[in-house]
Amino acid sequence: AAGVCHSDLHIWEGGYDLGHGRKPLSLKDRGVSLPRTMGHETVGEIVAFGPDVKDADKGGLKVGDVALAYPWLGCGKCPTCLGGDENMCAIKPNALGVYCDGGYADHMTVPHPKYLLNLNGLDPVTAAPYACSGVTTYSALKKVEKDLDTPIVIFGAGGLGLMALSLLKAMGGKGAIVVDIDARKREAAEAAGALATVDGKAPDALEQLIKKAGQPIRAAIDLVGNAQTSQLGFDCL
């Protein structure tokens, strides 16, 4: 299984619109070379290990196992990578499907078994997006974990927002009020278990958030990232 991320569309389009009147970021500027096989949300069956892989490196994995590939690889040698933050590598990022060939193919290579997570029977189609929207939103939720016993605010009810709702539930959180300007997305958030939704364009959006929370709001996660959501996020805290 291989998921389609919105960033894949940017690669397909040839660059990134950074907004705020800034010059678009080209693939070349980002260091992405072509041709490139995309796909960074990938689950596949292990068909072989390289000749240099030792049994101790496999972490219990074996040929035939179905695994999720962690894609956010770095150079593996700099202090950032050695500190466990390969996704932040600024020396030579090697993200699968971005800087290296990814999962939109019959086969792909992963440089080390440590980047593979055995699904142990989990549905591959459900699990594939965990490699991107999953780790993105889980990281955000972990940052506000101490406040998950209260209603939090989530801006954006697209793929990231809905993923955040499902993970929030799995983490035992009280729930979230979701803000989005699209009525259909608000409906999707409500169907996914949101405590309530608010139209971000409403002139009284802040008052609605405060009322629907029913108590002081202690955490907000902005999965949109524009000037309006950022301002409303700060204002509601």
C-alpha atoms as a PDB file:
ATOM      1  CA  ALA A   1       0.000   0.000   0.000  1.00  0.00           C
ATOM      2  CA  ALA A   2       1.191   3.521  -0.766  1.00  0.00           C
ATOM      3  CA  GLY A   3      -0.552   6.710   0.302  1.00  0.00           C
ATOM      4  CA  VAL A   4      -0.785   9.974  -1.601  1.00  0.00           C
ATOM      5  CA  CYS A   5       0.279  13.004   0.445  1.00  0.00           C
ATOM      6  CA  HIS A   6      -0.483  16.585  -0.551  1.00  0.00           C
ATOM      7  CA  SER A   7       3.268  17.157  -0.724  1.00  0.00           C
ATOM      8  CA  ASP A   8       3.384  14.523  -3.475  1.00  0.00           C
ATOM      9  CA  LEU A   9       1.139  16.807  -5.501  1.00  0.00           C
ATOM     10  CA  HIS A  10       3.641  19.633  -5.039  1.00  0.00           C
ATOM     11  CA  ILE A  11       6.449  17.408  -6.328  1.00  0.00           C
ATOM     12  CA  TRP A  12       4.254  16.434  -9.286  1.00  0.00           C
ATOM     13  CA  GLU A  13       3.557  20.127  -9.927  1.00  0.00           C
ATOM     14  CA  GLY A  14       7.271  20.904  -9.801  1.00  0.00           C
ATOM     15  CA  GLY A  15       7.517  23.109  -6.733  1.00  0.00           C
ATOM     16  CA  TYR A  16       5.996  24.620  -3.621  1.00  0.00           C
ATOM     17  CA  ASP A  17       3.913  27.774  -3.206  1.00  0.00           C
ATOM     18  CA  LEU A  18       5.191  29.243   0.075  1.00  0.00           C
ATOM     19  CA  GLY A  19       2.540  31.935   0.239  1.00  0.00           C
ATOM     20  CA  HIS A  20       2.853  35.432   1.732  1.00  0.00           C
ATOM     21  CA  GLY A  21       4.192  36.753  -1.583  1.00  0.00           C
ATOM     22  CA  ARG A  22       7.378  34.717  -1.360  1.00  0.00           C
ATOM     23  CA  LYS A  23       9.088  33.201  -4.373  1.00  0.00           C
ATOM     24  CA  PRO A  24       7.921  29.618  -5.057  1.00  0.00           C
ATOM     25  CA  LEU A  25      10.360  26.927  -3.937  1.00  0.00           C
ATOM     26  CA  SER A  26      11.438  24.784  -6.874  1.00  0.00           C
ATOM     27  CA  LEU A  27      12.388  21.126  -6.598  1.00  0.00           C
ATOM     28  CA  LYS A  28      15.953  22.093  -7.475  1.00  0.00           C
ATOM     29  CA  ASP A  29      16.023  24.671  -4.670  1.00  0.00           C
ATOM     30  CA  ARG A  30      14.876  21.975  -2.250  1.00  0.00           C
ATOM     31  CA  GLY A  31      17.519  19.571  -3.520  1.00  0.00           C
ATOM     32  CA  VAL A  32      15.121  17.131  -5.152  1.00  0.00           C
ATOM     33  CA  SER A  33      16.559  15.585  -8.294  1.00  0.00           C
ATOM     34  CA  LEU A  34      14.665  14.019 -11.184  1.00  0.00           C
ATOM     35  CA  PRO A  35      13.666  11.452 -12.247  1.00  0.00           C
ATOM     36  CA  ARG A  36      12.202  10.424  -8.911  1.00  0.00           C
ATOM     37  CA  THR A  37       9.787   7.699  -7.847  1.00  0.00           C
ATOM     38  CA  MET A  38       7.546   9.293  -5.232  1.00  0.00           C
ATOM     39  CA  GLY A  39       5.759   7.671  -2.303  1.00  0.00           C
ATOM     40  CA  HIS A  40       6.727   8.199   1.335  1.00  0.00           C
ATOM     41  CA  GLU A  41       3.679   6.545   2.948  1.00  0.00           C
ATOM     42  CA  THR A  42       4.558   2.943   2.218  1.00  0.00           C
ATOM     43  CA  VAL A  43       3.721  -0.514   3.527  1.00  0.00           C
ATOM     44  CA  GLY A  44       5.227  -3.540   1.844  1.00  0.00           C
ATOM     45  CA  GLU A  45       6.248  -7.151   2.252  1.00  0.00           C
ATOM     46  CA  ILE A  46       9.909  -7.791   3.043  1.00  0.00           C
ATOM     47  CA  VAL A  47      11.231  -9.887   0.168  1.00  0.00           C
ATOM     48  CA  ALA A  48      14.973  -9.851   0.948  1.00  0.00           C
ATOM     49  CA  PHE A  49      17.684  -8.469   3.217  1.00  0.00           C
ATOM     50  CA  GLY A  50      20.920  -7.063   1.842  1.00  0.00           C
ATOM     51  CA  PRO A  51      24.107  -9.110   2.153  1.00  0.00           C
ATOM     52  CA  ASP A  52      25.530  -6.842   4.865  1.00  0.00           C
ATOM     53  CA  VAL A  53      22.508  -7.110   7.168  1.00  0.00           C
ATOM     54  CA  LYS A  54      23.273  -9.111  10.305  1.00  0.00           C
ATOM     55  CA  ASP A  55      20.643 -11.026  12.274  1.00  0.00           C
ATOM     56  CA  ALA A  56      21.170  -8.611  15.160  1.00  0.00           C
ATOM     57  CA  ASP A  57      20.146  -5.729  12.863  1.00  0.00           C
ATOM     58  CA  LYS A  58      16.823  -7.263  11.868  1.00  0.00           C
ATOM     59  CA  GLY A  59      15.015  -6.597  15.123  1.00  0.00           C
ATOM     60  CA  GLY A  60      12.987  -9.762  14.761  1.00  0.00           C
ATOM     61  CA  LEU A  61      11.951  -8.998  11.198  1.00  0.00           C
ATOM     62  CA  LYS A  62      12.000 -11.752   8.619  1.00  0.00           C
ATOM     63  CA  VAL A  63      11.278 -12.251   4.934  1.00  0.00           C
ATOM     64  CA  GLY A  64       7.519 -12.305   4.435  1.00  0.00           C
ATOM     65  CA  ASP A  65       6.712  -9.803   7.180  1.00  0.00           C
ATOM     66  CA  VAL A  66       4.564  -6.819   6.205  1.00  0.00           C
ATOM     67  CA  ALA A  67       6.120  -3.596   7.463  1.00  0.00           C
ATOM     68  CA  LEU A  68       5.643   0.161   7.414  1.00  0.00           C
ATOM     69  CA  ALA A  69       8.688   2.035   6.119  1.00  0.00           C
ATOM     70  CA  TYR A  70       9.728   5.094   8.135  1.00  0.00           C
ATOM     71  CA  PRO A  71      10.670   7.543   5.358  1.00  0.00           C
ATOM     72  CA  TRP A  72      12.253  10.559   7.057  1.00  0.00           C
ATOM     73  CA  LEU A  73      15.901   9.619   6.720  1.00  0.00           C
ATOM     74  CA  GLY A  74      18.964  11.818   7.034  1.00  0.00           C
ATOM     75  CA  CYS A  75      22.672  11.381   6.447  1.00  0.00           C
ATOM     76  CA  GLY A  76      22.897   9.169   9.528  1.00  0.00           C
ATOM     77  CA  LYS A  77      26.230  10.663  10.568  1.00  0.00           C
ATOM     78  CA  CYS A  78      25.739  14.243  11.731  1.00  0.00           C
ATOM     79  CA  PRO A  79      25.019  15.145  15.381  1.00  0.00           C
ATOM     80  CA  THR A  80      21.333  15.680  14.582  1.00  0.00           C
ATOM     81  CA  CYS A  81      20.958  12.212  13.075  1.00  0.00           C
ATOM     82  CA  LEU A  82      23.028  10.538  15.771  1.00  0.00           C
ATOM     83  CA  GLY A  83      20.813  12.244  18.329  1.00  0.00           C
ATOM     84  CA  GLY A  84      17.777  10.478  16.886  1.00  0.00           C
ATOM     85  CA  ASP A  85      16.359  13.354  14.828  1.00  0.00           C
ATOM     86  CA  GLU A  86      17.108  12.200  11.272  1.00  0.00           C
ATOM     87  CA  ASN A  87      13.980  13.977  10.056  1.00  0.00           C
ATOM     88  CA  MET A  88      15.731  17.254  10.939  1.00  0.00           C
ATOM     89  CA  CYS A  89      18.973  16.472   9.083  1.00  0.00           C
ATOM     90  CA  ALA A  90      20.304  19.531   7.267  1.00  0.00           C
ATOM     91  CA  ILE A  91      23.467  17.901   5.901  1.00  0.00           C
ATOM     92  CA  LYS A  92      22.004  15.410   3.440  1.00  0.00           C
ATOM     93  CA  PRO A  93      18.300  14.628   3.834  1.00  0.00           C
ATOM     94  CA  ASN A  94      17.399  11.276   2.276  1.00  0.00           C
ATOM     95  CA  ALA A  95      13.641  11.037   2.732  1.00  0.00           C
ATOM     96  CA  LEU A  96      12.219   8.062   0.845  1.00  0.00           C
ATOM     97  CA  GLY A  97      10.005   9.167  -2.016  1.00  0.00           C
ATOM     98  CA  VAL A  98      11.424  12.704  -1.922  1.00  0.00           C
ATOM     99  CA  TYR A  99      15.213  12.551  -2.174  1.00  0.00           C
ATOM    100  CA  CYS A 100      15.380   8.785  -2.778  1.00  0.00           C
ATOM    101  CA  ASP A 101      13.012   6.554  -4.729  1.00  0.00           C
ATOM    102  CA  GLY A 102       9.903   5.617  -2.777  1.00  0.00           C
ATOM    103  CA  GLY A 103       6.850   3.419  -2.711  1.00  0.00           C
ATOM    104  CA  TYR A 104       5.075   4.131  -5.999  1.00  0.00           C
ATOM    105  CA  ALA A 105       6.691   1.032  -7.417  1.00  0.00           C
ATOM    106  CA  ASP A 106       6.587  -2.769  -7.239  1.00  0.00           C
ATOM    107  CA  HIS A 107       9.748  -2.803  -5.127  1.00  0.00           C
ATOM    108  CA  MET A 108      11.692  -0.270  -3.057  1.00  0.00           C
ATOM    109  CA  THR A 109      14.861  -0.388  -0.998  1.00  0.00           C
ATOM    110  CA  VAL A 110      15.210   0.734   2.620  1.00  0.00           C
ATOM    111  CA  PRO A 111      18.778   1.338   3.860  1.00  0.00           C
ATOM    112  CA  HIS A 112      18.437  -0.395   7.251  1.00  0.00           C
ATOM    113  CA  PRO A 113      15.906  -2.691   8.982  1.00  0.00           C
ATOM    114  CA  LYS A 114      15.583  -0.161  11.828  1.00  0.00           C
ATOM    115  CA  TYR A 115      13.389   1.909   9.524  1.00  0.00           C
ATOM    116  CA  LEU A 116      10.835  -0.911   9.197  1.00  0.00           C
ATOM    117  CA  LEU A 117       7.952  -1.435  11.622  1.00  0.00           C
ATOM    118  CA  ASN A 118       6.244  -4.833  11.589  1.00  0.00           C
ATOM    119  CA  LEU A 119       2.495  -4.276  11.247  1.00  0.00           C
ATOM    120  CA  ASN A 120       1.658  -7.569  12.967  1.00  0.00           C
ATOM    121  CA  GLY A 121      -1.668  -7.868  11.175  1.00  0.00           C
ATOM    122  CA  LEU A 122      -2.683  -4.193  10.986  1.00  0.00           C
ATOM    123  CA  ASP A 123      -4.420  -3.188   7.763  1.00  0.00           C
ATOM    124  CA  PRO A 124      -1.728  -1.891   5.342  1.00  0.00           C
ATOM    125  CA  VAL A 125      -4.054   0.659   3.744  1.00  0.00           C
ATOM    126  CA  THR A 126      -4.949   2.137   7.130  1.00  0.00           C
ATOM    127  CA  ALA A 127      -1.358   2.066   8.364  1.00  0.00           C
ATOM    128  CA  ALA A 128       0.446   3.567   5.347  1.00  0.00           C
ATOM    129  CA  PRO A 129      -0.453   7.223   6.154  1.00  0.00           C
ATOM    130  CA  TYR A 130       0.902   6.786   9.687  1.00  0.00           C
ATOM    131  CA  ALA A 131       4.358   7.331   8.140  1.00  0.00           C
ATOM    132  CA  CYS A 132       3.467  10.963   7.380  1.00  0.00           C
ATOM    133  CA  SER A 133       0.213  12.397   8.715  1.00  0.00           C
ATOM    134  CA  GLY A 134       0.423   9.922  11.588  1.00  0.00           C
ATOM    135  CA  VAL A 135       3.852  10.945  12.883  1.00  0.00           C
ATOM    136  CA  THR A 136       3.130  14.619  12.161  1.00  0.00           C
ATOM    137  CA  THR A 137      -0.011  14.771  14.270  1.00  0.00           C
ATOM    138  CA  TYR A 138       1.226  12.344  16.931  1.00  0.00           C
ATOM    139  CA  SER A 139       4.251  14.585  17.471  1.00  0.00           C
ATOM    140  CA  ALA A 140       1.969  17.598  17.873  1.00  0.00           C
ATOM    141  CA  LEU A 141      -0.311  15.779  20.310  1.00  0.00           C
ATOM    142  CA  LYS A 142       2.637  14.591  22.383  1.00  0.00           C
ATOM    143  CA  LYS A 143       3.694  18.218  22.826  1.00  0.00           C
ATOM    144  CA  VAL A 144       0.355  19.003  24.522  1.00  0.00           C
ATOM    145  CA  GLU A 145      -0.143  15.600  26.162  1.00  0.00           C
ATOM    146  CA  LYS A 146      -0.498  17.099  29.634  1.00  0.00           C
ATOM    147  CA  ASP A 147      -3.594  18.985  28.443  1.00  0.00           C
ATOM    148  CA  LEU A 148      -5.386  16.130  26.687  1.00  0.00           C
ATOM    149  CA  ASP A 149      -7.740  15.701  29.634  1.00  0.00           C
ATOM    150  CA  THR A 150      -9.350  18.972  28.522  1.00  0.00           C
ATOM    151  CA  PRO A 151     -10.913  19.944  25.171  1.00  0.00           C
ATOM    152  CA  ILE A 152      -8.203  21.057  22.766  1.00  0.00           C
ATOM    153  CA  VAL A 153      -8.604  23.010  19.532  1.00  0.00           C
ATOM    154  CA  ILE A 154      -7.500  21.609  16.181  1.00  0.00           C
ATOM    155  CA  PHE A 155      -7.302  23.898  13.149  1.00  0.00           C
ATOM    156  CA  GLY A 156      -7.931  22.065   9.888  1.00  0.00           C
ATOM    157  CA  ALA A 157     -10.204  19.127   9.152  1.00  0.00           C
ATOM    158  CA  GLY A 158      -8.350  17.695   6.171  1.00  0.00           C
ATOM    159  CA  GLY A 159      -6.260  14.547   6.255  1.00  0.00           C
ATOM    160  CA  LEU A 160      -4.084  15.807   9.104  1.00  0.00           C
ATOM    161  CA  GLY A 161      -7.009  17.001  11.192  1.00  0.00           C
ATOM    162  CA  LEU A 162      -8.933  13.750  10.868  1.00  0.00           C
ATOM    163  CA  MET A 163      -5.780  11.781  11.678  1.00  0.00           C
ATOM    164  CA  ALA A 164      -5.271  13.938  14.762  1.00  0.00           C
ATOM    165  CA  LEU A 165      -8.810  13.185  15.902  1.00  0.00           C
ATOM    166  CA  SER A 166      -8.308   9.439  15.614  1.00  0.00           C
ATOM    167  CA  LEU A 167      -4.967   9.547  17.427  1.00  0.00           C
ATOM    168  CA  LEU A 168      -6.364  11.826  20.128  1.00  0.00           C
ATOM    169  CA  LYS A 169      -9.040   9.235  20.830  1.00  0.00           C
ATOM    170  CA  ALA A 170      -6.474   6.424  20.907  1.00  0.00           C
ATOM    171  CA  MET A 171      -4.373   8.441  23.370  1.00  0.00           C
ATOM    172  CA  GLY A 172      -7.315   8.756  25.737  1.00  0.00           C
ATOM    173  CA  GLY A 173      -7.892  12.443  25.161  1.00  0.00           C
ATOM    174  CA  LYS A 174     -11.133  14.190  26.069  1.00  0.00           C
ATOM    175  CA  GLY A 175     -11.597  15.388  22.499  1.00  0.00           C
ATOM    176  CA  ALA A 176     -11.209  18.377  20.233  1.00  0.00           C
ATOM    177  CA  ILE A 177     -13.120  21.313  18.838  1.00  0.00           C
ATOM    178  CA  VAL A 178     -12.198  21.490  15.160  1.00  0.00           C
ATOM    179  CA  VAL A 179     -12.005  24.722  13.173  1.00  0.00           C
ATOM    180  CA  ASP A 180     -12.349  24.752   9.391  1.00  0.00           C
ATOM    181  CA  ILE A 181     -13.832  27.139   6.826  1.00  0.00           C
ATOM    182  CA  ASP A 182     -15.234  24.266   4.698  1.00  0.00           C
ATOM    183  CA  ALA A 183     -18.647  23.014   5.835  1.00  0.00           C
ATOM    184  CA  ARG A 184     -18.074  19.567   4.338  1.00  0.00           C
ATOM    185  CA  LYS A 185     -14.834  19.190   6.251  1.00  0.00           C
ATOM    186  CA  ARG A 186     -16.533  20.270   9.459  1.00  0.00           C
ATOM    187  CA  GLU A 187     -19.149  17.584   8.857  1.00  0.00           C
ATOM    188  CA  ALA A 188     -16.373  15.034   8.323  1.00  0.00           C
ATOM    189  CA  ALA A 189     -14.762  16.100  11.597  1.00  0.00           C
ATOM    190  CA  GLU A 190     -18.043  15.702  13.455  1.00  0.00           C
ATOM    191  CA  ALA A 191     -18.498  12.259  11.936  1.00  0.00           C
ATOM    192  CA  ALA A 192     -14.960  11.411  13.075  1.00  0.00           C
ATOM    193  CA  GLY A 193     -15.809  12.269  16.664  1.00  0.00           C
ATOM    194  CA  ALA A 194     -15.055  15.978  17.125  1.00  0.00           C
ATOM    195  CA  LEU A 195     -16.646  17.442  20.252  1.00  0.00           C
ATOM    196  CA  ALA A 196     -17.812  20.402  18.156  1.00  0.00           C
ATOM    197  CA  THR A 197     -16.813  22.393  15.092  1.00  0.00           C
ATOM    198  CA  VAL A 198     -16.461  26.095  14.337  1.00  0.00           C
ATOM    199  CA  ASP A 199     -16.395  27.978  11.035  1.00  0.00           C
ATOM    200  CA  GLY A 200     -13.082  29.805  11.075  1.00  0.00           C
ATOM    201  CA  LYS A 201     -14.536  32.594   8.922  1.00  0.00           C
ATOM    202  CA  ALA A 202     -17.330  33.374  11.381  1.00  0.00           C
ATOM    203  CA  PRO A 203     -16.932  36.842  12.943  1.00  0.00           C
ATOM    204  CA  ASP A 204     -17.583  35.309  16.360  1.00  0.00           C
ATOM    205  CA  ALA A 205     -15.324  32.280  15.882  1.00  0.00           C
ATOM    206  CA  LEU A 206     -13.369  33.056  19.047  1.00  0.00           C
ATOM    207  CA  GLU A 207     -16.516  33.423  21.140  1.00  0.00           C
ATOM    208  CA  GLN A 208     -17.836  30.124  19.724  1.00  0.00           C
ATOM    209  CA  LEU A 209     -14.616  28.345  20.646  1.00  0.00           C
ATOM    210  CA  ILE A 210     -14.690  29.634  24.211  1.00  0.00           C
ATOM    211  CA  LYS A 211     -18.370  28.723  24.622  1.00  0.00           C
ATOM    212  CA  LYS A 212     -18.071  25.256  23.126  1.00  0.00           C
ATOM    213  CA  ALA A 213     -14.988  24.436  25.174  1.00  0.00           C
ATOM    214  CA  GLY A 214     -16.879  25.254  28.358  1.00  0.00           C
ATOM    215  CA  GLN A 215     -13.617  25.875  30.182  1.00  0.00           C
ATOM    216  CA  PRO A 216     -10.271  27.593  29.536  1.00  0.00           C
ATOM    217  CA  ILE A 217      -8.602  26.274  26.389  1.00  0.00           C
ATOM    218  CA  ARG A 218      -5.099  25.097  27.226  1.00  0.00           C
ATOM    219  CA  ALA A 219      -3.883  23.729  23.890  1.00  0.00           C
ATOM    220  CA  ALA A 220      -4.342  24.430  20.195  1.00  0.00           C
ATOM    221  CA  ILE A 221      -2.829  22.584  17.241  1.00  0.00           C
ATOM    222  CA  ASP A 222      -2.682  24.478  13.942  1.00  0.00           C
ATOM    223  CA  LEU A 223      -2.616  22.110  10.965  1.00  0.00           C
ATOM    224  CA  VAL A 224      -3.289  24.915   8.463  1.00  0.00           C
ATOM    225  CA  GLY A 225      -0.603  27.431   9.320  1.00  0.00           C
ATOM    226  CA  ASN A 226      -1.856  30.648   7.774  1.00  0.00           C
ATOM    227  CA  ALA A 227      -2.038  34.066   9.398  1.00  0.00           C
ATOM    228  CA  GLN A 228      -5.726  33.737  10.280  1.00  0.00           C
ATOM    229  CA  THR A 229      -5.501  30.338  11.988  1.00  0.00           C
ATOM    230  CA  SER A 230      -2.349  31.333  13.838  1.00  0.00           C
ATOM    231  CA  GLN A 231      -4.010  34.488  15.184  1.00  0.00           C
ATOM    232  CA  LEU A 232      -7.163  32.663  16.246  1.00  0.00           C
ATOM    233  CA  GLY A 233      -5.041  29.955  17.832  1.00  0.00           C
ATOM    234  CA  PHE A 234      -3.151  32.449  19.988  1.00  0.00           C
ATOM    235  CA  ASP A 235      -6.330  34.361  20.809  1.00  0.00           C
ATOM    236  CA  CYS A 236      -8.175  31.290  22.100  1.00  0.00           C
ATOM    237  CA  LEU A 237      -5.445  30.361  24.571  1.00  0.00           C
END
